[in-house]
Amino acid sequence: MTLIKSISGIRGTIGGKPGEGLTPIDVVKFTAAFGKILLRNTGNKKIVVGRDARLSGEMVSNLVVGALQSIGADVVNLGLSTTPTVEIAVPLEQAAGGIILTASHNPGQWNALKLLNSLGEFISDAEGKEVLALGESLDFDFAEVGSLGTEVHDESYLQKHIDAVLALPIVDREAIRSANFKIAVDAVNSTGGIFIPALLEALGVETVYKIHCTPNGHFPHNPEPLKEHLTDLSEAVLANGADLGIAVDPDVDRLVFMMEDGELFGEEYTLVAVADYILGQTKGNTVSNLSSTRALRDVTQQHGGEYFAAAVGEVNVVTKMKEVNAVIGGEGNGGVIYPESHYGRDALVGVAIFLSHLAKLGKKASAYRAALPQYFMSKNKITLTPELDIDDLLRKMEDKYKNENYSTIDGLKIDFENEWVHLRKSNTEPIIRIYSEGPTQEAAEAIAQRIIEEIETIIK
């Protein structure tokens, strides 16, 4: 059993003992603590809740709603929803904050509480630590019977979210409709199976092949939208002669495309392609995290903008985007953040912008991909043992490469002339991630293997 409390929320496996997994006791105490802080800081009792379709979702939702009512909060329950939909709903509802019940790309035994402020954006690291401290101390009172909160169900936000996407000036519905796209969708049997086909229909896409789009929480494959997990989508694209395949994770904030030849466009290149289109119409800066491809930097510079890197984590990317007034940003895991919509990764926004771009280009997805800057990434990880001092390990690696161009704002990133390597402890799993990129796949894998061997030598 695992319980991880970090900037990415309170995430864990369902079951086990309190404090060792995401048990009902853990759900209730941290939910109540977060609600108490919102009520105290804002004086606003309204809190929005939504969930993905994973099997534990209804149970966790019942606990969360009950815990919020027990402290006197009034809940707007969106039911089956997406992370970006809840982010949009919080300010529209003029709520104090929101809670999204999803473990993102983690397998089905996981769930999590993702916490939003009144802007519909993830709370800061400092605010998160305050929630954790209050939840552990339980130093607060619950409401008496006459002051219990209420619950209302609101299923209107599917349409509200789609309407908001269609209203973006950058989205060209007519171009998409005229392109007559045929698109296959793999939503891993979560809420993307509701939202993505509905969006495509609203955009004028008449031919949609749905696979794994029943939101029953039975994930047919590992829910992280990586190439090795998307063989069914590749087969559906090829079998139907589709122009494109779309895959999302269970909470619909990560987006990847499958090209017409059954190959992935590349999760790193979702943001690059969207930025290419945005920057072609709106000059400005871009931001991605340190583990993302150099291709975004290249495309940004081609359009006369400036690229900036942020620490990994959506809240860090958003903070940097606001600081440099970025017109587009996100993460290389298929996360698109378009400030004209809202400051959150949003697969619906990404789909609409990408289709607008592809329709206007009049190219096959594979031809467009070949025209973008070419980089290749290798993603590796080392499982952490309790006795391993990760900070000491990173210090030793930093000393080893002190004469190279490096950054320590988030773990350790070493920028070589033609490759880079980023080492960091995961916020969501007990592992150290080792991302590398180079001009060829062989180069990316070679530099990663060299670093892994050096780490193993230090550990031994």
Protein backbone atom coordinates (compact mmCIF):
# COMPACT_ATOMS: atom_id res chain seq x y z
CA MET A 1 0.00 0.00 0.00
CA THR A 2 1.17 3.51 -0.80
CA LEU A 3 0.20 7.03 0.29
CA ILE A 4 2.05 9.95 -1.28
CA LYS A 5 1.43 13.53 -0.16
CA SER A 6 2.99 16.11 -2.44
CA ILE A 7 2.53 19.21 -4.62
CA SER A 8 0.53 16.94 -6.96
CA GLY A 9 -2.09 16.19 -4.29
CA ILE A 10 -2.81 13.36 -1.87
CA ARG A 11 -2.47 10.15 -3.85
CA GLY A 12 -2.49 6.53 -2.85
CA THR A 13 -3.65 2.99 -3.37
CA ILE A 14 -7.09 2.10 -2.09
CA GLY A 15 -7.21 -0.04 1.06
CA GLY A 16 -4.78 -0.98 3.79
CA LYS A 17 -4.16 0.77 7.08
CA PRO A 18 -4.67 4.51 7.67
CA GLY A 19 -1.54 6.43 6.70
CA GLU A 20 -0.26 3.58 4.56
CA GLY A 21 -2.85 3.71 1.76
CA LEU A 22 -5.65 6.04 0.68
CA THR A 23 -8.16 4.80 3.24
CA PRO A 24 -11.52 6.39 4.14
CA ILE A 25 -9.89 7.93 7.21
CA ASP A 26 -7.18 9.58 5.10
CA VAL A 27 -9.74 10.83 2.57
CA VAL A 28 -11.97 12.35 5.23
CA LYS A 29 -9.30 14.03 7.34
CA PHE A 30 -7.49 15.69 4.44
CA THR A 31 -10.72 16.69 2.72
CA ALA A 32 -12.07 18.23 5.93
CA ALA A 33 -8.77 20.03 6.53
CA PHE A 34 -8.75 21.50 3.03
CA GLY A 35 -12.40 22.56 3.34
CA LYS A 36 -11.74 24.19 6.69
CA ILE A 37 -8.86 26.21 5.28
CA LEU A 38 -10.97 27.34 2.30
CA LEU A 39 -13.85 28.42 4.54
CA ARG A 40 -11.52 30.24 6.91
CA ASN A 41 -9.57 32.04 4.17
CA THR A 42 -12.44 32.98 1.87
CA GLY A 43 -15.61 33.01 3.93
CA ASN A 44 -17.14 31.16 0.97
CA LYS A 45 -18.84 27.83 1.69
CA LYS A 46 -19.16 26.58 -1.92
CA ILE A 47 -16.75 23.85 -3.11
CA VAL A 48 -16.84 22.01 -6.45
CA VAL A 49 -16.19 18.25 -6.64
CA GLY A 50 -15.77 16.05 -9.72
CA ARG A 51 -14.25 12.63 -10.43
CA ASP A 52 -12.94 10.35 -13.13
CA ALA A 53 -14.51 6.94 -13.74
CA ARG A 54 -12.12 4.69 -11.81
CA LEU A 55 -13.73 1.92 -9.73
CA SER A 56 -13.13 3.62 -6.37
CA GLY A 57 -14.47 6.96 -7.60
CA GLU A 58 -18.01 6.74 -6.31
CA MET A 59 -16.89 5.55 -2.88
CA VAL A 60 -14.24 8.26 -2.56
CA SER A 61 -16.71 10.87 -3.84
CA ASN A 62 -19.24 9.91 -1.16
CA LEU A 63 -16.56 10.31 1.50
CA VAL A 64 -15.39 13.66 0.15
CA VAL A 65 -18.88 15.12 -0.19
CA GLY A 66 -19.82 13.91 3.29
CA ALA A 67 -16.64 15.29 4.83
CA LEU A 68 -17.22 18.69 3.23
CA GLN A 69 -20.84 18.79 4.40
CA SER A 70 -19.66 17.82 7.89
CA ILE A 71 -17.63 21.04 8.19
CA GLY A 72 -20.45 23.20 6.84
CA ALA A 73 -19.42 23.42 3.18
CA ASP A 74 -21.92 23.43 0.31
CA VAL A 75 -20.91 21.02 -2.45
CA VAL A 76 -21.50 21.39 -6.18
CA ASN A 77 -21.06 17.80 -7.35
CA LEU A 78 -20.25 17.46 -11.05
CA GLY A 79 -20.17 13.65 -10.85
CA LEU A 80 -18.27 12.04 -13.74
CA SER A 81 -16.10 14.86 -15.05
CA THR A 82 -12.54 15.76 -16.05
CA THR A 83 -9.76 17.66 -14.32
CA PRO A 84 -9.98 20.66 -16.70
CA THR A 85 -13.78 20.70 -16.41
CA VAL A 86 -13.60 21.05 -12.63
CA GLU A 87 -10.93 23.75 -13.08
CA ILE A 88 -13.33 25.69 -15.32
CA ALA A 89 -16.31 25.12 -13.03
CA VAL A 90 -14.72 26.55 -9.86
CA PRO A 91 -14.56 30.21 -11.03
CA LEU A 92 -17.83 29.91 -12.96
CA GLU A 93 -19.50 28.76 -9.75
CA GLN A 94 -17.69 31.50 -7.80
CA ALA A 95 -16.60 28.72 -5.44
CA ALA A 96 -13.91 28.82 -2.76
CA GLY A 97 -12.09 25.94 -4.42
CA GLY A 98 -12.46 22.48 -5.83
CA ILE A 99 -11.44 18.85 -5.41
CA ILE A 100 -10.81 16.50 -8.31
CA LEU A 101 -10.91 12.80 -7.50
CA THR A 102 -8.45 11.18 -9.86
CA ALA A 103 -5.06 9.52 -9.81
CA SER A 104 -4.41 10.72 -13.37
CA HIS A 105 -2.34 8.14 -15.26
CA ASN A 106 -1.91 5.76 -12.30
CA PRO A 107 -3.43 2.26 -12.55
CA GLY A 108 -6.90 1.42 -11.25
CA GLN A 109 -5.95 0.63 -7.65
CA TRP A 110 -4.94 4.28 -7.17
CA ASN A 111 -7.01 7.37 -6.45
CA ALA A 112 -6.22 10.87 -5.27
CA LEU A 113 -7.45 14.25 -4.08
CA LYS A 114 -6.30 17.10 -6.36
CA LEU A 115 -6.91 20.44 -4.67
CA LEU A 116 -7.86 23.69 -6.43
CA ASN A 117 -8.02 27.30 -5.25
CA SER A 118 -10.75 29.80 -6.10
CA LEU A 119 -9.19 30.42 -9.53
CA GLY A 120 -9.58 26.76 -10.40
CA GLU A 121 -5.80 26.32 -10.25
CA PHE A 122 -3.77 23.88 -8.18
CA ILE A 123 -2.88 25.11 -4.73
CA SER A 124 0.74 26.05 -4.02
CA ASP A 125 3.28 23.91 -2.24
CA ALA A 126 2.96 26.08 0.89
CA GLU A 127 -0.84 25.77 0.85
CA GLY A 128 -0.53 22.04 0.37
CA LYS A 129 1.73 21.73 3.39
CA GLU A 130 -0.83 23.65 5.44
CA VAL A 131 -3.54 21.19 4.41
CA LEU A 132 -1.35 18.22 5.32
CA ALA A 133 -0.41 19.68 8.69
CA LEU A 134 -4.03 20.44 9.63
CA GLY A 135 -5.17 17.06 8.41
CA GLU A 136 -2.61 15.28 10.55
CA SER A 137 -3.32 17.38 13.64
CA LEU A 138 -7.14 17.32 13.27
CA ASP A 139 -7.12 20.60 15.19
CA PHE A 140 -10.56 21.78 14.10
CA ASP A 141 -14.23 21.33 14.90
CA PHE A 142 -16.93 19.76 12.75
CA ALA A 143 -20.24 21.54 12.23
CA GLU A 144 -23.24 21.00 14.47
CA VAL A 145 -26.39 19.55 12.93
CA GLY A 146 -27.98 22.89 12.15
CA SER A 147 -24.89 24.06 10.25
CA LEU A 148 -24.22 21.05 8.02
CA GLY A 149 -23.55 21.81 4.38
CA THR A 150 -25.65 20.95 1.34
CA GLU A 151 -25.06 19.09 -1.93
CA VAL A 152 -26.36 19.88 -5.40
CA HIS A 153 -25.67 17.81 -8.53
CA ASP A 154 -24.82 19.72 -11.70
CA GLU A 155 -24.37 17.79 -14.95
CA SER A 156 -24.31 20.88 -17.16
CA TYR A 157 -20.55 21.28 -17.26
CA LEU A 158 -19.91 18.87 -20.12
CA GLN A 159 -21.71 21.31 -22.40
CA LYS A 160 -20.31 24.38 -20.64
CA HIS A 161 -16.78 23.12 -21.14
CA ILE A 162 -17.37 22.35 -24.81
CA ASP A 163 -19.02 25.75 -25.34
CA ALA A 164 -15.99 27.44 -23.77
CA VAL A 165 -13.66 25.60 -26.16
CA LEU A 166 -15.78 26.47 -29.20
CA ALA A 167 -15.77 30.13 -28.16
CA LEU A 168 -11.97 30.40 -28.37
CA PRO A 169 -11.11 32.60 -31.39
CA ILE A 170 -8.14 30.36 -32.20
CA VAL A 171 -10.46 27.37 -32.79
CA ASP A 172 -11.68 27.15 -36.40
CA ARG A 173 -14.78 24.96 -36.47
CA GLU A 174 -15.42 25.57 -40.14
CA ALA A 175 -11.94 24.44 -41.15
CA ILE A 176 -12.30 21.31 -39.03
CA ARG A 177 -15.72 20.51 -40.48
CA SER A 178 -14.46 21.03 -44.03
CA ALA A 179 -11.48 18.74 -43.45
CA ASN A 180 -13.89 15.82 -42.99
CA PHE A 181 -11.60 14.08 -40.50
CA LYS A 182 -12.06 10.45 -39.51
CA ILE A 183 -10.83 10.05 -35.92
CA ALA A 184 -10.40 7.10 -33.54
CA VAL A 185 -10.58 7.72 -29.78
CA ASP A 186 -9.19 5.64 -26.88
CA ALA A 187 -10.39 7.03 -23.55
CA VAL A 188 -9.29 4.07 -21.38
CA ASN A 189 -12.91 3.57 -20.22
CA SER A 190 -12.93 6.79 -18.22
CA THR A 191 -14.60 10.16 -18.60
CA GLY A 192 -12.77 11.04 -21.80
CA GLY A 193 -15.15 8.54 -23.40
CA ILE A 194 -17.93 11.04 -22.71
CA PHE A 195 -16.15 14.35 -23.27
CA ILE A 196 -13.88 13.76 -26.30
CA PRO A 197 -16.53 12.29 -28.67
CA ALA A 198 -18.97 15.03 -27.61
CA LEU A 199 -16.35 17.68 -28.39
CA LEU A 200 -15.55 16.13 -31.78
CA GLU A 201 -19.23 16.13 -32.70
CA ALA A 202 -19.50 19.79 -31.70
CA LEU A 203 -16.45 20.58 -33.86
CA GLY A 204 -18.13 19.01 -36.88
CA VAL A 205 -16.24 15.69 -36.97
CA GLU A 206 -18.83 13.24 -38.28
CA THR A 207 -16.81 10.02 -38.28
CA VAL A 208 -15.54 8.91 -34.85
CA TYR A 209 -14.40 5.36 -34.02
CA LYS A 210 -14.74 4.86 -30.28
CA ILE A 211 -12.69 2.22 -28.46
CA HIS A 212 -12.54 1.91 -24.68
CA CYS A 213 -14.96 4.83 -24.32
CA THR A 214 -17.40 3.30 -21.80
CA PRO A 215 -16.79 5.16 -18.50
CA ASN A 216 -16.98 2.08 -16.25
CA GLY A 217 -13.50 2.33 -14.69
CA HIS A 218 -12.31 -1.02 -16.05
CA PHE A 219 -9.08 0.17 -17.64
CA PRO A 220 -8.36 -2.15 -20.61
CA HIS A 221 -4.66 -1.31 -20.52
CA ASN A 222 -2.23 0.73 -18.47
CA PRO A 223 -3.90 4.18 -18.44
CA GLU A 224 -0.76 6.17 -19.10
CA PRO A 225 -1.04 7.18 -22.79
CA LEU A 226 2.29 5.81 -23.99
CA LYS A 227 3.07 3.98 -27.24
CA GLU A 228 3.31 0.53 -25.66
CA HIS A 229 -0.18 0.91 -24.14
CA LEU A 230 -1.94 2.12 -27.29
CA THR A 231 -1.74 -0.84 -29.65
CA ASP A 232 -5.56 -1.04 -29.80
CA LEU A 233 -5.73 2.58 -30.94
CA SER A 234 -3.06 1.98 -33.57
CA GLU A 235 -5.01 -1.00 -34.92
CA ALA A 236 -8.25 1.01 -34.96
CA VAL A 237 -6.61 3.86 -36.90
CA LEU A 238 -5.19 1.49 -39.51
CA ALA A 239 -8.26 -0.75 -39.79
CA ASN A 240 -10.58 2.21 -40.38
CA GLY A 241 -8.26 4.35 -42.49
CA ALA A 242 -8.58 7.10 -39.89
CA ASP A 243 -6.79 10.42 -40.29
CA LEU A 244 -5.93 10.58 -36.62
CA GLY A 245 -6.15 8.77 -33.31
CA ILE A 246 -6.70 10.52 -29.97
CA ALA A 247 -5.78 9.08 -26.58
CA VAL A 248 -6.28 10.69 -23.18
CA ASP A 249 -5.58 9.62 -19.61
CA PRO A 250 -8.42 8.91 -17.13
CA ASP A 251 -8.89 12.56 -16.06
CA VAL A 252 -8.41 14.03 -19.56
CA ASP A 253 -5.59 16.48 -18.91
CA ARG A 254 -3.00 14.54 -20.95
CA LEU A 255 -3.38 14.24 -24.71
CA VAL A 256 -1.54 12.25 -27.35
CA PHE A 257 -2.20 11.78 -31.05
CA MET A 258 -1.80 8.74 -33.29
CA MET A 259 -0.87 9.50 -36.90
CA GLU A 260 -2.64 7.98 -39.89
CA ASP A 261 0.17 5.42 -40.25
CA GLY A 262 -0.55 3.97 -36.80
CA GLU A 263 2.51 5.58 -35.22
CA LEU A 264 2.40 8.04 -32.33
CA PHE A 265 2.78 11.73 -33.11
CA GLY A 266 4.69 11.78 -29.81
CA GLU A 267 3.39 12.92 -26.43
CA GLU A 268 6.25 15.44 -26.27
CA TYR A 269 5.06 16.94 -29.56
CA THR A 270 1.42 17.58 -28.59
CA LEU A 271 2.45 20.86 -26.94
CA VAL A 272 4.98 21.64 -29.69
CA ALA A 273 2.32 21.38 -32.43
CA VAL A 274 -0.24 23.42 -30.49
CA ALA A 275 2.39 26.07 -29.75
CA ASP A 276 3.39 26.17 -33.43
CA TYR A 277 -0.20 27.09 -34.33
CA ILE A 278 -0.71 29.57 -31.48
CA LEU A 279 2.60 31.35 -32.10
CA GLY A 280 1.81 31.62 -35.80
CA GLN A 281 -1.11 33.87 -34.86
CA THR A 282 -0.12 35.35 -31.48
CA LYS A 283 3.48 36.37 -30.86
CA GLY A 284 4.77 35.65 -27.38
CA ASN A 285 6.68 33.43 -24.98
CA THR A 286 6.33 29.77 -24.07
CA VAL A 287 7.01 27.64 -21.01
CA SER A 288 7.42 23.92 -20.42
CA ASN A 289 9.01 21.92 -17.63
CA LEU A 290 12.64 20.88 -17.49
CA SER A 291 11.82 17.34 -18.63
CA SER A 292 10.21 18.46 -21.89
CA THR A 293 11.63 18.43 -25.41
CA ARG A 294 13.92 21.11 -26.84
CA ALA A 295 11.62 21.22 -29.86
CA LEU A 296 9.36 23.74 -28.06
CA ARG A 297 12.34 26.05 -27.62
CA ASP A 298 13.19 25.73 -31.32
CA VAL A 299 9.62 26.39 -32.51
CA THR A 300 9.28 29.35 -30.13
CA GLN A 301 12.48 30.92 -31.43
CA GLN A 302 11.41 30.32 -35.04
CA HIS A 303 8.32 32.43 -34.32
CA GLY A 304 10.34 35.18 -32.62
CA GLY A 305 9.39 34.32 -29.05
CA GLU A 306 11.41 33.38 -25.97
CA TYR A 307 11.29 29.99 -24.28
CA PHE A 308 11.46 29.46 -20.50
CA ALA A 309 11.79 26.28 -18.41
CA ALA A 310 10.04 25.57 -15.12
CA ALA A 311 10.27 22.88 -12.47
CA VAL A 312 8.15 19.80 -13.08
CA GLY A 313 4.58 20.10 -11.81
CA GLU A 314 1.64 21.95 -13.30
CA VAL A 315 1.59 24.59 -10.56
CA ASN A 316 5.27 25.40 -11.29
CA VAL A 317 4.63 25.70 -15.02
CA VAL A 318 1.62 27.96 -14.42
CA THR A 319 3.61 30.18 -12.05
CA LYS A 320 6.35 30.61 -14.65
CA MET A 321 3.81 31.24 -17.44
CA LYS A 322 2.28 34.09 -15.45
CA GLU A 323 5.72 35.47 -14.64
CA VAL A 324 6.82 35.68 -18.30
CA ASN A 325 3.34 36.30 -19.75
CA ALA A 326 3.49 33.14 -21.87
CA VAL A 327 0.84 32.72 -24.56
CA ILE A 328 1.08 28.93 -24.46
CA GLY A 329 2.75 26.40 -22.19
CA GLY A 330 2.46 23.01 -20.60
CA GLU A 331 4.31 19.79 -20.09
CA GLY A 332 5.88 17.26 -22.40
CA ASN A 333 3.58 14.50 -21.19
CA GLY A 334 0.84 15.76 -23.51
CA GLY A 335 -0.30 18.59 -21.23
CA VAL A 336 -1.46 21.78 -22.99
CA ILE A 337 -2.07 24.97 -20.98
CA TYR A 338 -3.66 27.80 -22.97
CA PRO A 339 -4.19 30.89 -20.78
CA GLU A 340 -6.94 32.28 -23.06
CA SER A 341 -9.01 29.35 -21.81
CA HIS A 342 -7.67 28.74 -18.30
CA TYR A 343 -4.42 27.96 -16.47
CA GLY A 344 -4.70 24.19 -16.47
CA ARG A 345 -3.77 21.26 -18.71
CA ASP A 346 -6.78 20.64 -20.91
CA ALA A 347 -7.04 17.86 -23.51
CA LEU A 348 -10.27 19.32 -24.93
CA VAL A 349 -8.55 22.62 -25.69
CA GLY A 350 -5.59 20.71 -27.12
CA VAL A 351 -7.80 18.64 -29.43
CA ALA A 352 -9.62 21.69 -30.80
CA ILE A 353 -6.43 23.66 -31.45
CA PHE A 354 -4.55 20.74 -33.00
CA LEU A 355 -7.45 19.91 -35.34
CA SER A 356 -7.72 23.57 -36.36
CA HIS A 357 -4.01 23.56 -37.16
CA LEU A 358 -4.06 20.29 -39.08
CA ALA A 359 -7.15 21.29 -41.03
CA LYS A 360 -5.60 24.58 -42.16
CA LEU A 361 -2.28 22.96 -43.06
CA GLY A 362 -4.04 20.43 -45.26
CA LYS A 363 -1.35 17.87 -44.46
CA LYS A 364 -1.36 14.35 -43.12
CA ALA A 365 -0.34 14.21 -39.47
CA SER A 366 2.82 12.25 -40.36
CA ALA A 367 3.93 14.86 -42.91
CA TYR A 368 3.47 17.66 -40.38
CA ARG A 369 5.34 15.71 -37.71
CA ALA A 370 8.28 15.21 -40.07
CA ALA A 371 8.48 18.97 -40.63
CA LEU A 372 8.90 19.77 -36.92
CA PRO A 373 12.33 19.90 -35.18
CA GLN A 374 13.48 16.32 -34.64
CA TYR A 375 14.47 15.14 -31.17
CA PHE A 376 14.25 11.77 -29.51
CA MET A 377 13.66 11.07 -25.83
CA SER A 378 14.43 8.20 -23.50
CA LYS A 379 12.47 7.92 -20.25
CA ASN A 380 13.86 5.68 -17.54
CA LYS A 381 13.44 5.26 -13.82
CA ILE A 382 15.11 3.72 -10.80
CA THR A 383 12.98 2.42 -7.94
CA LEU A 384 13.94 4.04 -4.66
CA THR A 385 14.75 2.08 -1.52
CA PRO A 386 13.97 3.61 1.89
CA GLU A 387 17.65 3.89 2.83
CA LEU A 388 18.68 5.74 -0.34
CA ASP A 389 19.58 9.41 0.26
CA ILE A 390 18.40 10.94 -3.03
CA ASP A 391 19.62 14.44 -2.14
CA ASP A 392 23.13 13.17 -1.46
CA LEU A 393 23.04 11.20 -4.72
CA LEU A 394 22.08 14.31 -6.71
CA ARG A 395 24.79 16.36 -4.98
CA LYS A 396 27.40 13.81 -6.03
CA MET A 397 26.14 13.83 -9.62
CA GLU A 398 26.14 17.64 -9.61
CA ASP A 399 29.74 17.68 -8.45
CA LYS A 400 30.68 15.21 -11.17
CA TYR A 401 29.21 17.50 -13.85
CA LYS A 402 30.02 20.86 -12.26
CA ASN A 403 31.80 22.02 -15.42
CA GLU A 404 28.74 21.44 -17.62
CA ASN A 405 25.70 23.70 -18.04
CA TYR A 406 23.32 22.43 -15.34
CA SER A 407 20.27 23.42 -13.29
CA THR A 408 19.20 22.41 -9.79
CA ILE A 409 15.80 24.13 -9.63
CA ASP A 410 14.19 20.68 -9.82
CA GLY A 411 16.48 17.76 -9.17
CA LEU A 412 19.44 17.97 -11.53
CA LYS A 413 19.35 18.76 -15.25
CA ILE A 414 22.57 18.60 -17.23
CA ASP A 415 22.57 20.31 -20.63
CA PHE A 416 25.21 19.00 -22.99
CA GLU A 417 25.71 20.46 -26.46
CA ASN A 418 23.56 17.90 -28.27
CA GLU A 419 21.81 16.06 -25.44
CA TRP A 420 20.40 16.68 -22.01
CA VAL A 421 19.63 14.53 -18.96
CA HIS A 422 17.20 15.34 -16.15
CA LEU A 423 17.27 13.48 -12.82
CA ARG A 424 14.49 14.06 -10.33
CA LYS A 425 12.55 12.34 -7.60
CA SER A 426 8.96 11.71 -8.65
CA ASN A 427 6.15 13.58 -6.87
CA THR A 428 3.73 10.70 -7.42
CA GLU A 429 5.73 7.45 -7.22
CA PRO A 430 8.67 6.13 -5.12
CA ILE A 431 11.11 6.39 -8.03
CA ILE A 432 13.79 8.64 -9.49
CA ARG A 433 13.01 9.59 -13.08
CA ILE A 434 15.83 9.83 -15.60
CA TYR A 435 14.78 11.66 -18.77
CA SER A 436 17.20 12.26 -21.61
CA GLU A 437 16.95 13.67 -25.12
CA GLY A 438 19.21 13.70 -28.15
CA PRO A 439 19.26 14.12 -31.93
CA THR A 440 18.72 10.35 -32.35
CA GLN A 441 17.05 7.67 -30.25
CA GLU A 442 20.40 5.94 -29.89
CA ALA A 443 22.03 9.11 -28.56
CA ALA A 444 19.25 9.68 -26.04
CA GLU A 445 19.43 6.12 -24.77
CA ALA A 446 23.22 6.10 -24.66
CA ILE A 447 23.47 9.20 -22.47
CA ALA A 448 20.73 7.85 -20.20
CA GLN A 449 22.49 4.51 -19.82
CA ARG A 450 25.75 6.26 -19.00
CA ILE A 451 24.07 8.29 -16.26
CA ILE A 452 22.25 5.22 -14.89
CA GLU A 453 25.54 3.32 -14.64
CA GLU A 454 27.14 6.26 -12.85
CA ILE A 455 24.24 6.41 -10.38
CA GLU A 456 24.44 2.67 -9.73
CA THR A 457 28.17 3.02 -9.05
CA ILE A 458 27.49 5.79 -6.51
CA ILE A 459 24.73 3.75 -4.84
CA LYS A 460 27.00 0.70 -4.52
